[in-house]
Amino acid sequence: MRRLWGSLLILCLLVPLLPAQQAEDERPIITVLDFTTESVSQSEMKTIISLLSSSLFQMNAFTVIDTSQRDNILSEIEFSAGGCTDESCMLEIGRLLAAEMIVVGNLSKIGSRYILSSKLLETQTGKTLGTADGIYGDLDAMVDDLLNFGGRLVQSVMSAPAAAGGEPAAEPEPEVAPEVVKPPKPDREPVVIDWKKVGGISLTTVGVAAAGVGGYLMYTAFDLINTAWQDYDTAPSGSDFEDLYTTYTSIRDEKRPAFFNGMYIAGAGVLAGGLGALLLLIPKKDAAVEVSAAVFPLPSAPAVCVSFRY
């Protein structure tokens, strides 16, 4: 009889607090009861179930009776849950609290590992709606995982929460992502090479290099020949003029091929550089170019005649 009056009293107390909000948002009422423990202190267990209640509240899918509200309501009706360890007694506590679902479980320590095991029960029928288990190396890891743990525990009712009439609400149809159409790749413009410009730069570069090499050979040979001649021409009286003249003629005959080779190379360089410069000065890159050359042998050196027309 005392239990009956207690039940009526707690229902009266909960009328202004819980059913009004449930009628407003249709969220089921849930509470987390004390877990049984093995090798774990009661204070640690209280902290774990308080954090688990908070994780369920953060899901915004339930009306949660937290541990302090639960203890206050039970103390109002003078109901002691201290010796309540079996499921039938816990289901009665859930009915006294007007909760549609209760969370029960066990927290234990085996060796250095903590084991958290929990069940979600329907208060009226005692049916198991969901379970979750976790094995952790320490309490810090357990605390960090409580939000995920709570999600695994209630995932079956989160996907289809109970409606007021007891029928599961219809699942919303999944949204179909719009098909992503990739824009077509722009046509690449063909690479057009200005061969006249490329040829002009190449000929100019080769011409400058050849003119430099040829000029160096000419200067070196001329400097040696000129030095030998100055030694002979400015020698004081009494010098061995015959020997100095022999030295001069020997150096002249030895270095003359190098001098003329340098002259030919420098001339070819000047010619190539001039052609390159002309190619670069052509206003239209598609203009036709006609180049002709002729070599005329002369007694001292060959002559080259070049014709350039565009």
Protein backbone atom coordinates (compact mmCIF):
# COMPACT_ATOMS: atom_id res chain seq x y z
CA MET A 1 0.00 0.00 0.00
CA ARG A 2 2.86 2.36 0.82
CA ARG A 3 4.35 1.74 -2.63
CA LEU A 4 1.00 2.48 -4.28
CA TRP A 5 0.58 5.82 -2.48
CA GLY A 6 4.18 6.62 -3.28
CA SER A 7 3.58 5.97 -6.96
CA LEU A 8 0.51 8.20 -7.01
CA LEU A 9 2.44 10.96 -5.26
CA ILE A 10 5.41 10.90 -7.64
CA LEU A 11 3.08 10.91 -10.64
CA CYS A 12 1.40 14.03 -9.25
CA LEU A 13 4.79 15.65 -8.74
CA LEU A 14 5.89 14.90 -12.30
CA VAL A 15 2.72 16.15 -14.02
CA PRO A 16 3.81 19.83 -14.15
CA LEU A 17 7.46 18.93 -14.89
CA LEU A 18 7.76 16.14 -17.44
CA PRO A 19 4.61 15.19 -19.39
CA ALA A 20 3.96 18.81 -20.41
CA GLN A 21 7.34 19.04 -22.08
CA GLN A 22 6.93 15.60 -23.65
CA ALA A 23 3.59 16.64 -25.12
CA GLU A 24 5.33 19.68 -26.54
CA ASP A 25 8.29 18.02 -28.26
CA GLU A 26 7.36 14.30 -28.09
CA ARG A 27 10.79 13.39 -26.72
CA PRO A 28 10.82 10.18 -24.64
CA ILE A 29 11.75 10.45 -20.97
CA ILE A 30 14.90 8.59 -19.94
CA THR A 31 16.98 8.25 -16.78
CA VAL A 32 20.23 6.53 -15.83
CA LEU A 33 20.05 4.43 -12.65
CA ASP A 34 22.95 3.46 -10.41
CA PHE A 35 25.22 0.79 -11.91
CA THR A 36 26.39 -2.25 -10.03
CA THR A 37 30.13 -2.13 -9.35
CA GLU A 38 33.05 -4.50 -8.91
CA SER A 39 36.44 -3.19 -7.69
CA VAL A 40 35.27 0.37 -8.47
CA SER A 41 34.32 2.99 -5.88
CA GLN A 42 30.79 4.36 -5.58
CA SER A 43 32.05 7.91 -6.21
CA GLU A 44 33.61 6.85 -9.51
CA MET A 45 30.41 5.08 -10.49
CA LYS A 46 28.33 8.17 -9.63
CA THR A 47 30.60 10.33 -11.77
CA ILE A 48 30.36 7.96 -14.74
CA ILE A 49 26.53 7.75 -14.73
CA SER A 50 26.29 11.55 -14.28
CA LEU A 51 28.48 12.07 -17.36
CA LEU A 52 26.49 9.46 -19.26
CA SER A 53 23.29 11.36 -18.42
CA SER A 54 24.90 14.52 -19.74
CA SER A 55 25.87 12.79 -22.99
CA LEU A 56 22.27 11.64 -23.48
CA PHE A 57 21.04 15.17 -22.84
CA GLN A 58 23.47 16.57 -25.44
CA MET A 59 21.88 14.37 -28.10
CA ASN A 60 18.74 16.55 -27.83
CA ALA A 61 16.57 13.49 -28.48
CA PHE A 62 15.41 12.73 -24.92
CA THR A 63 13.98 14.37 -21.84
CA VAL A 64 16.61 13.31 -19.31
CA ILE A 65 15.99 12.95 -15.58
CA ASP A 66 19.48 13.45 -14.20
CA THR A 67 20.80 11.80 -11.05
CA SER A 68 20.11 14.76 -8.74
CA GLN A 69 16.48 15.08 -9.95
CA ARG A 70 16.04 11.33 -9.62
CA ASP A 71 17.36 11.25 -6.04
CA ASN A 72 15.25 14.27 -5.03
CA ILE A 73 12.06 12.70 -6.39
CA LEU A 74 12.73 9.35 -4.73
CA SER A 75 13.47 11.06 -1.42
CA GLU A 76 10.15 12.93 -1.67
CA ILE A 77 8.25 9.64 -1.72
CA GLU A 78 10.64 8.08 0.80
CA PHE A 79 11.64 5.34 -1.62
CA SER A 80 15.07 3.84 -1.00
CA ALA A 81 16.91 2.55 -4.06
CA GLY A 82 19.95 1.45 -2.06
CA GLY A 83 19.15 -2.27 -2.16
CA CYS A 84 17.65 -2.22 -5.65
CA THR A 85 19.96 -4.39 -7.78
CA ASP A 86 17.67 -6.59 -9.91
CA GLU A 87 15.99 -5.42 -13.12
CA SER A 88 12.42 -5.75 -11.80
CA CYS A 89 13.17 -3.33 -8.97
CA MET A 90 14.90 -0.91 -11.36
CA LEU A 91 11.93 -1.05 -13.73
CA GLU A 92 9.68 -0.11 -10.81
CA ILE A 93 11.90 2.91 -10.10
CA GLY A 94 11.57 3.88 -13.76
CA ARG A 95 7.77 3.68 -13.54
CA LEU A 96 7.80 5.75 -10.34
CA LEU A 97 9.79 8.40 -12.20
CA ALA A 98 7.37 8.23 -15.17
CA ALA A 99 10.38 7.41 -17.39
CA GLU A 100 9.70 5.54 -20.60
CA MET A 101 13.24 4.13 -20.68
CA ILE A 102 15.91 3.44 -18.09
CA VAL A 103 19.63 2.79 -18.42
CA VAL A 104 21.12 0.11 -16.19
CA GLY A 105 24.55 -1.43 -16.19
CA ASN A 106 27.69 -2.60 -14.49
CA LEU A 107 31.07 -0.92 -13.95
CA SER A 108 33.95 -3.20 -13.02
CA LYS A 109 37.72 -3.42 -13.05
CA ILE A 110 39.62 -6.55 -14.10
CA GLY A 111 43.38 -6.30 -13.83
CA SER A 112 44.31 -2.85 -15.13
CA ARG A 113 41.30 -2.51 -17.43
CA TYR A 114 37.89 -0.97 -16.78
CA ILE A 115 34.79 -2.61 -18.26
CA LEU A 116 31.57 -0.65 -18.78
CA SER A 117 28.48 -2.63 -19.76
CA SER A 118 25.02 -1.08 -20.11
CA LYS A 119 21.47 -1.83 -21.30
CA LEU A 120 18.57 0.38 -22.35
CA LEU A 121 15.25 -1.02 -21.05
CA GLU A 122 11.67 -0.09 -21.87
CA THR A 123 10.02 0.67 -18.54
CA GLN A 124 6.54 -0.75 -19.19
CA THR A 125 7.57 -4.05 -20.82
CA GLY A 126 11.13 -4.61 -19.60
CA LYS A 127 12.18 -5.09 -23.22
CA THR A 128 15.86 -4.48 -24.01
CA LEU A 129 16.04 -1.71 -26.61
CA GLY A 130 19.81 -1.45 -26.88
CA THR A 131 23.14 -2.47 -25.39
CA ALA A 132 26.66 -1.09 -25.32
CA ASP A 133 29.96 -2.36 -23.94
CA GLY A 134 33.41 -0.82 -23.62
CA ILE A 135 36.84 -1.90 -22.38
CA TYR A 136 39.24 0.91 -21.40
CA GLY A 137 42.81 1.16 -20.19
CA ASP A 138 41.93 3.80 -17.59
CA LEU A 139 39.07 6.01 -16.40
CA ASP A 140 40.28 8.93 -18.55
CA ALA A 141 39.74 6.89 -21.71
CA MET A 142 36.29 5.86 -20.47
CA VAL A 143 35.29 9.47 -19.78
CA ASP A 144 36.50 10.57 -23.22
CA ASP A 145 34.37 7.86 -24.88
CA LEU A 146 31.11 8.39 -22.94
CA LEU A 147 29.45 10.44 -25.71
CA ASN A 148 30.15 7.70 -28.26
CA PHE A 149 29.14 5.07 -25.69
CA GLY A 150 25.77 6.75 -25.16
CA GLY A 151 25.28 6.99 -28.93
CA ARG A 152 25.85 3.24 -29.33
CA LEU A 153 23.46 2.53 -26.48
CA VAL A 154 20.50 4.47 -27.88
CA GLN A 155 21.17 4.19 -31.62
CA SER A 156 18.19 1.85 -32.15
CA VAL A 157 15.69 4.33 -30.64
CA MET A 158 17.47 7.36 -32.13
CA SER A 159 16.75 6.08 -35.65
CA ALA A 160 13.01 5.63 -34.92
CA PRO A 161 11.94 7.38 -31.66
CA ALA A 162 8.63 6.27 -30.15
CA ALA A 163 5.62 8.46 -30.84
CA ALA A 164 2.89 9.30 -28.37
CA GLY A 165 0.67 6.41 -29.49
CA GLY A 166 3.44 3.88 -29.10
CA GLU A 167 4.02 3.51 -32.86
CA PRO A 168 7.49 4.23 -34.17
CA ALA A 169 7.75 7.39 -36.18
CA ALA A 170 8.37 6.96 -39.88
CA GLU A 171 11.96 7.36 -40.90
CA PRO A 172 12.56 10.40 -43.08
CA GLU A 173 13.44 9.60 -46.63
CA PRO A 174 17.14 10.09 -47.28
CA GLU A 175 17.95 13.16 -49.26
CA VAL A 176 19.33 12.42 -52.67
CA ALA A 177 22.45 14.40 -53.30
CA PRO A 178 22.31 16.31 -56.57
CA GLU A 179 24.44 14.88 -59.29
CA VAL A 180 27.62 16.82 -59.67
CA VAL A 181 28.32 17.60 -63.28
CA LYS A 182 31.92 18.42 -63.98
CA PRO A 183 32.37 21.33 -66.37
CA PRO A 184 34.04 20.39 -69.64
CA LYS A 185 37.71 21.08 -69.90
CA PRO A 186 38.50 24.13 -72.01
CA ASP A 187 40.14 23.44 -75.34
CA ARG A 188 43.84 24.02 -75.19
CA GLU A 189 45.23 26.42 -77.72
CA PRO A 190 47.83 24.81 -79.99
CA VAL A 191 51.42 25.76 -79.32
CA VAL A 192 52.69 27.84 -82.23
CA ILE A 193 56.46 28.20 -82.50
CA ASP A 194 57.83 31.29 -84.24
CA TRP A 195 60.64 29.56 -86.07
CA LYS A 196 61.95 32.83 -87.53
CA LYS A 197 62.36 34.23 -84.01
CA VAL A 198 63.93 31.02 -82.74
CA GLY A 199 66.26 30.89 -85.75
CA GLY A 200 67.14 34.55 -85.39
CA ILE A 201 68.07 34.16 -81.73
CA SER A 202 70.06 30.98 -82.43
CA LEU A 203 71.99 32.48 -85.38
CA THR A 204 72.72 35.67 -83.45
CA THR A 205 74.01 33.70 -80.44
CA VAL A 206 76.20 31.44 -82.60
CA GLY A 207 77.43 34.42 -84.59
CA VAL A 208 78.48 36.37 -81.50
CA ALA A 209 80.29 33.32 -80.09
CA ALA A 210 82.07 32.60 -83.41
CA ALA A 211 83.07 36.26 -83.82
CA GLY A 212 84.53 36.23 -80.31
CA VAL A 213 86.54 33.03 -80.86
CA GLY A 214 87.77 34.18 -84.26
CA GLY A 215 88.71 37.60 -82.95
CA TYR A 216 90.68 36.00 -80.11
CA LEU A 217 92.65 33.77 -82.52
CA MET A 218 93.36 36.74 -84.81
CA TYR A 219 94.50 38.98 -81.94
CA THR A 220 96.77 36.32 -80.40
CA ALA A 221 98.49 35.52 -83.71
CA PHE A 222 98.82 39.19 -84.70
CA ASP A 223 100.26 40.14 -81.29
CA LEU A 224 103.02 37.49 -81.55
CA ILE A 225 103.91 38.45 -85.12
CA ASN A 226 103.88 42.17 -84.30
CA THR A 227 106.06 41.66 -81.20
CA ALA A 228 108.68 39.73 -83.24
CA TRP A 229 108.70 42.49 -85.89
CA GLN A 230 109.12 45.22 -83.25
CA ASP A 231 112.05 43.31 -81.75
CA TYR A 232 113.71 43.28 -85.18
CA ASP A 233 112.75 46.83 -86.20
CA THR A 234 113.81 48.57 -82.99
CA ALA A 235 116.95 46.55 -82.27
CA PRO A 236 119.99 48.76 -81.46
CA SER A 237 123.13 48.87 -83.52
CA GLY A 238 125.34 45.87 -83.03
CA SER A 239 122.45 43.43 -82.62
CA ASP A 240 122.25 40.20 -84.55
CA PHE A 241 119.75 41.49 -87.12
CA GLU A 242 119.85 38.31 -89.14
CA ASP A 243 118.88 36.20 -86.17
CA LEU A 244 116.07 38.62 -85.20
CA TYR A 245 114.71 38.62 -88.74
CA THR A 246 114.81 34.84 -88.83
CA THR A 247 112.84 34.74 -85.61
CA TYR A 248 110.29 37.15 -87.03
CA THR A 249 109.77 35.17 -90.24
CA SER A 250 109.52 31.92 -88.30
CA ILE A 251 106.79 33.29 -86.01
CA ARG A 252 105.01 34.92 -88.96
CA ASP A 253 104.92 31.70 -90.95
CA GLU A 254 103.82 29.70 -87.87
CA LYS A 255 101.03 32.05 -86.76
CA ARG A 256 99.71 33.13 -90.16
CA PRO A 257 97.35 30.08 -90.49
CA ALA A 258 95.96 30.79 -87.03
CA PHE A 259 95.43 34.44 -87.97
CA PHE A 260 93.52 33.57 -91.16
CA ASN A 261 91.54 30.80 -89.45
CA GLY A 262 90.50 33.31 -86.80
CA MET A 263 89.57 35.75 -89.55
CA TYR A 264 87.39 33.13 -91.31
CA ILE A 265 85.71 32.13 -88.04
CA ALA A 266 85.07 35.74 -87.07
CA GLY A 267 83.73 36.47 -90.56
CA ALA A 268 81.40 33.51 -90.42
CA GLY A 269 80.26 34.67 -86.99
CA VAL A 270 79.54 38.17 -88.25
CA LEU A 271 77.63 36.69 -91.19
CA ALA A 272 75.58 34.36 -88.94
CA GLY A 273 74.89 37.15 -86.46
CA GLY A 274 73.78 39.45 -89.27
CA LEU A 275 71.39 36.81 -90.63
CA GLY A 276 69.99 36.25 -87.13
CA ALA A 277 69.47 39.98 -86.66
CA LEU A 278 67.68 40.20 -90.00
CA LEU A 279 65.38 37.30 -89.06
CA LEU A 280 64.53 39.06 -85.80
CA LEU A 281 63.74 42.29 -87.69
CA ILE A 282 61.23 40.64 -90.05
CA PRO A 283 57.86 42.21 -89.13
CA LYS A 284 55.75 39.15 -89.97
CA LYS A 285 56.65 35.76 -88.62
CA ASP A 286 54.90 33.99 -91.53
CA ALA A 287 56.75 35.95 -94.25
CA ALA A 288 58.76 33.84 -96.73
CA VAL A 289 62.53 34.18 -96.42
CA GLU A 290 65.06 33.46 -99.18
CA VAL A 291 68.76 33.20 -98.38
CA SER A 292 71.50 32.45 -100.94
CA ALA A 293 75.30 32.44 -100.60
CA ALA A 294 78.30 32.16 -102.95
CA VAL A 295 82.04 31.74 -102.28
CA PHE A 296 84.61 33.42 -104.56
CA PRO A 297 88.25 32.28 -104.26
CA LEU A 298 90.66 35.20 -104.19
CA PRO A 299 94.48 35.09 -104.16
CA SER A 300 94.85 35.97 -100.51
CA ALA A 301 91.54 34.80 -98.99
CA PRO A 302 88.14 33.46 -100.17
CA ALA A 303 85.24 35.92 -100.39
CA VAL A 304 81.64 35.10 -99.46
CA CYS A 305 78.59 36.80 -100.98
CA VAL A 306 75.23 36.37 -99.22
CA SER A 307 71.82 37.37 -100.56
CA PHE A 308 68.91 37.75 -98.13
CA ARG A 309 65.39 38.51 -99.32
CA TYR A 310 61.88 38.32 -97.79
